[in-house]
C-alpha atoms as a PDB file:
ATOM      1  CA  MET A   1     -23.642 181.462 155.357  1.00  0.00           C
ATOM      2  CA  ILE A   2     -19.970 180.391 156.506  1.00  0.00           C
ATOM      3  CA  LEU A   3     -19.201 176.973 157.249  1.00  0.00           C
ATOM      4  CA  THR A   4     -15.970 175.212 158.328  1.00  0.00           C
ATOM      5  CA  PHE A   5     -15.630 171.803 157.513  1.00  0.00           C
ATOM      6  CA  ILE A   6     -12.752 170.279 159.726  1.00  0.00           C
ATOM      7  CA  CYS A   7     -11.261 166.851 158.557  1.00  0.00           C
ATOM      8  CA  ASP A   8      -7.893 165.271 158.459  1.00  0.00           C
ATOM      9  CA  SER A   9      -5.883 165.929 154.972  1.00  0.00           C
ATOM     10  CA  HIS A  10      -6.434 162.781 153.858  1.00  0.00           C
ATOM     11  CA  PHE A  11      -9.828 163.005 154.061  1.00  0.00           C
ATOM     12  CA  GLN A  12     -10.037 166.426 151.884  1.00  0.00           C
ATOM     13  CA  LYS A  13      -8.574 163.789 149.023  1.00  0.00           C
ATOM     14  CA  LYS A  14     -11.498 161.441 148.849  1.00  0.00           C
ATOM     15  CA  VAL A  15     -14.236 164.143 148.534  1.00  0.00           C
ATOM     16  CA  SER A  16     -14.923 166.020 146.018  1.00  0.00           C
ATOM     17  CA  LEU A  17     -13.325 169.443 145.289  1.00  0.00           C
ATOM     18  CA  ALA A  18     -16.880 171.453 145.633  1.00  0.00           C
ATOM     19  CA  PHE A  19     -17.276 169.394 149.286  1.00  0.00           C
ATOM     20  CA  THR A  20     -14.246 170.504 150.889  1.00  0.00           C
ATOM     21  CA  HIS A  21     -12.966 173.849 148.942  1.00  0.00           C
ATOM     22  CA  GLY A  22     -15.895 176.184 147.589  1.00  0.00           C
ATOM     23  CA  ASP A  23     -19.444 177.937 146.906  1.00  0.00           C
ATOM     24  CA  VAL A  24     -21.946 175.955 147.991  1.00  0.00           C
ATOM     25  CA  HIS A  25     -25.041 178.361 146.509  1.00  0.00           C
ATOM     26  CA  SER A  26     -24.690 180.832 148.543  1.00  0.00           C
ATOM     27  CA  HIS A  27     -22.661 179.087 151.497  1.00  0.00           C
ATOM     28  CA  LYS A  28     -19.120 179.041 151.643  1.00  0.00           C
ATOM     29  CA  ILE A  29     -17.586 176.182 152.552  1.00  0.00           C
ATOM     30  CA  ILE A  30     -13.597 176.234 154.335  1.00  0.00           C
ATOM     31  CA  ALA A  31     -11.753 173.231 154.846  1.00  0.00           C
ATOM     32  CA  ILE A  32      -9.126 172.865 157.750  1.00  0.00           C
ATOM     33  CA  THR A  33      -7.689 170.132 159.286  1.00  0.00           C
ATOM     34  CA  ALA A  34      -7.635 169.185 162.712  1.00  0.00           C
ATOM     35  CA  ASP A  35      -3.947 169.984 163.299  1.00  0.00           C
ATOM     36  CA  GLU A  36      -5.009 173.478 162.320  1.00  0.00           C
ATOM     37  CA  PHE A  37      -7.490 173.561 164.207  1.00  0.00           C
ATOM     38  CA  LEU A  38      -5.638 172.509 167.456  1.00  0.00           C
ATOM     39  CA  GLN A  39      -2.727 174.571 167.121  1.00  0.00           C
ATOM     40  CA  SER A  40      -4.697 177.940 166.401  1.00  0.00           C
ATOM     41  CA  GLY A  41      -7.526 177.119 168.984  1.00  0.00           C
ATOM     42  CA  LYS A  42      -9.809 179.168 166.872  1.00  0.00           C
ATOM     43  CA  LEU A  43     -11.874 178.810 163.759  1.00  0.00           C
ATOM     44  CA  PRO A  44     -11.553 180.900 160.976  1.00  0.00           C
ATOM     45  CA  GLU A  45     -12.989 184.482 160.154  1.00  0.00           C
ATOM     46  CA  GLY A  46     -17.126 184.702 160.326  1.00  0.00           C
ATOM     47  CA  THR A  47     -17.373 181.366 160.971  1.00  0.00           C
ATOM     48  CA  GLN A  48     -21.499 180.861 161.446  1.00  0.00           C
ATOM     49  CA  GLY A  49     -21.639 176.521 161.123  1.00  0.00           C
ATOM     50  CA  ILE A  50     -19.234 173.620 161.625  1.00  0.00           C
ATOM     51  CA  LEU A  51     -19.239 170.345 159.712  1.00  0.00           C
ATOM     52  CA  VAL A  52     -16.623 168.003 160.527  1.00  0.00           C
ATOM     53  CA  GLU A  53     -15.752 164.481 159.669  1.00  0.00           C
ATOM     54  CA  ARG A  54     -16.185 161.635 161.873  1.00  0.00           C
ATOM     55  CA  GLY A  55     -13.227 159.967 161.728  1.00  0.00           C
ATOM     56  CA  THR A  56     -12.084 163.183 162.204  1.00  0.00           C
ATOM     57  CA  TRP A  57     -13.851 163.608 165.283  1.00  0.00           C
ATOM     58  CA  GLN A  58     -13.911 160.382 166.560  1.00  0.00           C
ATOM     59  CA  LYS A  59      -9.935 160.740 166.650  1.00  0.00           C
ATOM     60  CA  ASN A  60      -9.695 164.248 168.021  1.00  0.00           C
ATOM     61  CA  PHE A  61     -12.210 164.620 170.475  1.00  0.00           C
ATOM     62  CA  ALA A  62     -10.525 163.622 173.583  1.00  0.00           C
ATOM     63  CA  LEU A  63      -7.891 166.378 172.164  1.00  0.00           C
ATOM     64  CA  PHE A  64     -10.898 169.064 171.698  1.00  0.00           C
ATOM     65  CA  ARG A  65     -11.921 168.557 174.917  1.00  0.00           C
ATOM     66  CA  TYR A  66      -8.579 168.665 176.893  1.00  0.00           C
ATOM     67  CA  PHE A  67      -7.403 172.387 175.147  1.00  0.00           C
ATOM     68  CA  ASN A  68     -11.464 173.633 175.977  1.00  0.00           C
ATOM     69  CA  LEU A  69     -11.782 173.935 171.836  1.00  0.00           C
ATOM     70  CA  LEU A  70     -15.192 172.033 172.461  1.00  0.00           C
ATOM     71  CA  PRO A  71     -17.421 175.310 173.245  1.00  0.00           C
ATOM     72  CA  LEU A  72     -15.849 176.564 169.791  1.00  0.00           C
ATOM     73  CA  LEU A  73     -17.659 173.422 168.430  1.00  0.00           C
ATOM     74  CA  GLU A  74     -20.878 173.408 170.086  1.00  0.00           C
ATOM     75  CA  GLY A  75     -21.917 177.054 170.436  1.00  0.00           C
ATOM     76  CA  ARG A  76     -22.884 176.945 166.184  1.00  0.00           C
ATOM     77  CA  PRO A  77     -24.953 174.650 164.341  1.00  0.00           C
ATOM     78  CA  LEU A  78     -22.561 171.286 164.487  1.00  0.00           C
ATOM     79  CA  GLY A  79     -23.019 168.653 161.431  1.00  0.00           C
ATOM     80  CA  PHE A  80     -21.304 165.060 161.379  1.00  0.00           C
ATOM     81  CA  VAL A  81     -19.821 164.456 157.485  1.00  0.00           C
ATOM     82  CA  VAL A  82     -20.072 160.416 157.378  1.00  0.00           C
ATOM     83  CA  ASN A  83     -18.667 157.846 154.827  1.00  0.00           C
ATOM     84  CA  ALA A  84     -21.968 156.043 153.234  1.00  0.00           C
ATOM     85  CA  SER A  85     -19.833 152.976 154.117  1.00  0.00           C
ATOM     86  CA  ILE A  86     -19.086 152.522 157.781  1.00  0.00           C
ATOM     87  CA  ALA A  87     -19.725 149.055 158.782  1.00  0.00           C
ATOM     88  CA  GLY A  88     -23.196 149.230 157.210  1.00  0.00           C
ATOM     89  CA  VAL A  89     -23.959 151.847 159.877  1.00  0.00           C
ATOM     90  CA  PRO A  90     -26.759 154.204 158.019  1.00  0.00           C
ATOM     91  CA  VAL A  91     -25.549 157.254 157.933  1.00  0.00           C
ATOM     92  CA  GLY A  92     -28.098 158.803 160.190  1.00  0.00           C
ATOM     93  CA  GLU A  93     -27.368 156.237 163.043  1.00  0.00           C
ATOM     94  CA  ALA A  94     -23.743 156.505 163.203  1.00  0.00           C
ATOM     95  CA  ASP A  95     -22.439 157.068 166.601  1.00  0.00           C
ATOM     96  CA  PHE A  96     -20.351 160.108 167.971  1.00  0.00           C
ATOM     97  CA  LYS A  97     -17.963 160.387 170.868  1.00  0.00           C
ATOM     98  CA  GLY A  98     -19.253 163.006 173.560  1.00  0.00           C
ATOM     99  CA  ARG A  99     -22.791 163.019 171.719  1.00  0.00           C
ATOM    100  CA  LEU A 100     -24.191 159.872 172.594  1.00  0.00           C
ATOM    101  CA  ALA A 101     -27.294 161.785 174.368  1.00  0.00           C
ATOM    102  CA  LEU A 102     -27.815 163.584 171.054  1.00  0.00           C
ATOM    103  CA  LYS A 103     -27.743 160.204 169.085  1.00  0.00           C
ATOM    104  CA  GLY A 104     -30.064 160.226 166.470  1.00  0.00           C
ATOM    105  CA  ARG A 105     -30.470 164.055 166.492  1.00  0.00           C
ATOM    106  CA  ASP A 106     -27.340 165.659 164.975  1.00  0.00           C
ATOM    107  CA  PHE A 107     -27.290 166.583 161.629  1.00  0.00           C
ATOM    108  CA  VAL A 108     -25.275 163.760 159.449  1.00  0.00           C
ATOM    109  CA  LEU A 109     -24.611 164.257 155.742  1.00  0.00           C
ATOM    110  CA  SER A 110     -22.842 161.258 153.606  1.00  0.00           C
ATOM    111  CA  SER A 111     -19.258 162.787 151.968  1.00  0.00           C
ATOM    112  CA  ASN A 112     -20.890 160.212 149.050  1.00  0.00           C
ATOM    113  CA  ILE A 113     -23.317 162.691 147.453  1.00  0.00           C
ATOM    114  CA  GLY A 114     -23.736 164.810 144.872  1.00  0.00           C
ATOM    115  CA  LEU A 115     -23.402 168.678 144.415  1.00  0.00           C
ATOM    116  CA  ASP A 116     -27.489 169.270 144.265  1.00  0.00           C
ATOM    117  CA  GLU A 117     -27.558 166.997 147.174  1.00  0.00           C
ATOM    118  CA  LEU A 118     -25.425 168.721 149.096  1.00  0.00           C
ATOM    119  CA  ALA A 119     -26.618 172.087 148.526  1.00  0.00           C
ATOM    120  CA  LEU A 120     -29.755 171.064 150.043  1.00  0.00           C
ATOM    121  CA  GLN A 121     -28.506 169.499 152.841  1.00  0.00           C
ATOM    122  CA  ILE A 122     -26.474 172.332 153.867  1.00  0.00           C
ATOM    123  CA  ASN A 123     -29.266 174.425 153.266  1.00  0.00           C
ATOM    124  CA  LYS A 124     -31.431 172.249 156.063  1.00  0.00           C
ATOM    125  CA  PHE A 125     -28.130 172.699 158.150  1.00  0.00           C
ATOM    126  CA  ALA A 126     -28.278 176.558 157.904  1.00  0.00           C
ATOM    127  CA  GLU A 127     -31.996 176.383 159.000  1.00  0.00           C
ATOM    128  CA  LEU A 128     -31.118 174.491 162.331  1.00  0.00           C
ATOM    129  CA  PRO A 129     -31.360 176.750 165.477  1.00  0.00           C
ATOM    130  CA  VAL A 130     -28.007 177.575 167.255  1.00  0.00           C
ATOM    131  CA  PRO A 131     -27.338 174.501 169.684  1.00  0.00           C
ATOM    132  CA  THR A 132     -28.019 174.488 173.196  1.00  0.00           C
ATOM    133  CA  TYR A 133     -26.314 171.214 174.265  1.00  0.00           C
ATOM    134  CA  SER A 134     -22.747 171.291 175.318  1.00  0.00           C
ATOM    135  CA  HIS A 135     -20.994 168.307 176.735  1.00  0.00           C
ATOM    136  CA  PRO A 136     -20.866 167.886 180.882  1.00  0.00           C
ATOM    137  CA  LYS A 137     -17.081 168.153 180.756  1.00  0.00           C
ATOM    138  CA  SER A 138     -16.735 170.806 177.876  1.00  0.00           C
ATOM    139  CA  ARG A 139     -15.936 174.260 180.553  1.00  0.00           C
ATOM    140  CA  ALA A 140     -13.438 172.043 181.969  1.00  0.00           C
ATOM    141  CA  VAL A 141      -9.597 172.058 181.158  1.00  0.00           C
ATOM    142  CA  ALA A 142      -7.952 169.001 182.513  1.00  0.00           C
END
């Protein structure tokens, strides 16, 4: 499975290189910044699943919606990467803009996990069905 990891460049410096650039067992992770995604308006070729860093999602959600990029994100398995230390909130209970209807049902993983745990989590993510949820305003361009 080819996964695209969307995060800001400062976040890429904080996490292990295996997480942002490389292969995890039979899965390939391609890291791009939100700016690259916004400018190109497309995902890397062959993307089958998307991981988005929470801060990047929170900061760019309105832009993704405005430029009608949410359908690209919501048409594939979508998971969120969070820093385990966000204000003492458990990793699985973090809020995400535009996704409150799915609170507790989104796939969430911590950025502070080792390579073996990452491989297990990515395997679980790869088994997710194609999502049927879409943000109510994701089809409209402002």
